[in-house]
Amino acid sequence: FTKEKIREEKMTDDKGKQKATNNQPNQ
């Protein structure tokens, strides 16, 4: 992987974690 690819995947992963957290406010 290039550094850009890793950086891009990390950003996507961070967004995924944020989205998951936002979708489960009652838990």
N, C-alpha and C. Protein backbone atom coordinates (compact mmCIF):
# COMPACT_ATOMS: atom_id res chain seq x y z
N PHE A 1 0.84 -1.21 0.00
CA PHE A 1 0.00 0.00 0.00
C PHE A 1 0.87 1.25 0.00
N THR A 2 0.40 2.26 -0.69
CA THR A 2 1.10 3.55 -0.64
C THR A 2 0.62 4.30 0.59
N LYS A 3 1.35 5.32 0.98
CA LYS A 3 0.94 6.10 2.17
C LYS A 3 -0.42 6.74 1.92
N GLU A 4 -0.66 7.17 0.69
CA GLU A 4 -1.96 7.79 0.37
C GLU A 4 -3.09 6.79 0.56
N LYS A 5 -2.86 5.57 0.13
CA LYS A 5 -3.89 4.53 0.24
C LYS A 5 -4.19 4.26 1.71
N ILE A 6 -3.14 4.11 2.51
CA ILE A 6 -3.33 3.85 3.95
C ILE A 6 -4.07 5.03 4.58
N ARG A 7 -3.68 6.23 4.22
CA ARG A 7 -4.32 7.43 4.76
C ARG A 7 -5.80 7.46 4.37
N GLU A 8 -6.07 7.12 3.12
CA GLU A 8 -7.46 7.13 2.63
C GLU A 8 -8.28 6.09 3.38
N GLU A 9 -7.70 4.90 3.57
CA GLU A 9 -8.44 3.84 4.28
C GLU A 9 -8.67 4.23 5.74
N LYS A 10 -7.70 4.90 6.34
CA LYS A 10 -7.84 5.32 7.73
C LYS A 10 -8.98 6.33 7.85
N MET A 11 -9.05 7.27 6.90
CA MET A 11 -10.12 8.26 6.92
C MET A 11 -11.47 7.56 6.77
N THR A 12 -11.54 6.59 5.88
CA THR A 12 -12.79 5.85 5.67
C THR A 12 -13.16 5.09 6.93
N ASP A 13 -12.16 4.49 7.57
CA ASP A 13 -12.41 3.72 8.80
C ASP A 13 -12.91 4.66 9.90
N ASP A 14 -12.30 5.83 9.99
CA ASP A 14 -12.73 6.80 11.01
C ASP A 14 -14.17 7.21 10.76
N LYS A 15 -14.52 7.44 9.50
CA LYS A 15 -15.89 7.82 9.16
C LYS A 15 -16.85 6.68 9.50
N GLY A 16 -16.42 5.46 9.23
CA GLY A 16 -17.25 4.30 9.53
C GLY A 16 -17.51 4.19 11.03
N LYS A 17 -16.47 4.42 11.82
CA LYS A 17 -16.64 4.35 13.28
C LYS A 17 -17.57 5.45 13.76
N GLN A 18 -17.41 6.66 13.20
CA GLN A 18 -18.27 7.78 13.58
C GLN A 18 -19.72 7.47 13.22
N LYS A 19 -19.93 6.94 12.03
CA LYS A 19 -21.28 6.64 11.56
C LYS A 19 -21.91 5.57 12.45
N ALA A 20 -21.15 4.55 12.78
CA ALA A 20 -21.66 3.47 13.63
C ALA A 20 -22.05 4.03 14.99
N THR A 21 -21.22 4.92 15.52
CA THR A 21 -21.51 5.53 16.83
C THR A 21 -22.77 6.38 16.74
N ASN A 22 -22.90 7.12 15.64
CA ASN A 22 -24.06 8.00 15.48
C ASN A 22 -25.35 7.20 15.27
N ASN A 23 -25.22 5.98 14.75
CA ASN A 23 -26.40 5.16 14.50
C ASN A 23 -26.84 4.40 15.75
N GLN A 24 -26.05 4.44 16.81
CA GLN A 24 -26.39 3.71 18.03
C GLN A 24 -26.36 4.64 19.25
N PRO A 25 -27.18 5.69 19.26
CA PRO A 25 -27.16 6.63 20.37
C PRO A 25 -27.82 6.08 21.64
N ASN A 26 -28.64 5.05 21.47
CA ASN A 26 -29.39 4.52 22.61
C ASN A 26 -28.63 3.43 23.36
N GLN A 27 -27.51 3.00 22.78
CA GLN A 27 -26.81 1.87 23.42
C GLN A 27 -25.70 2.34 24.34
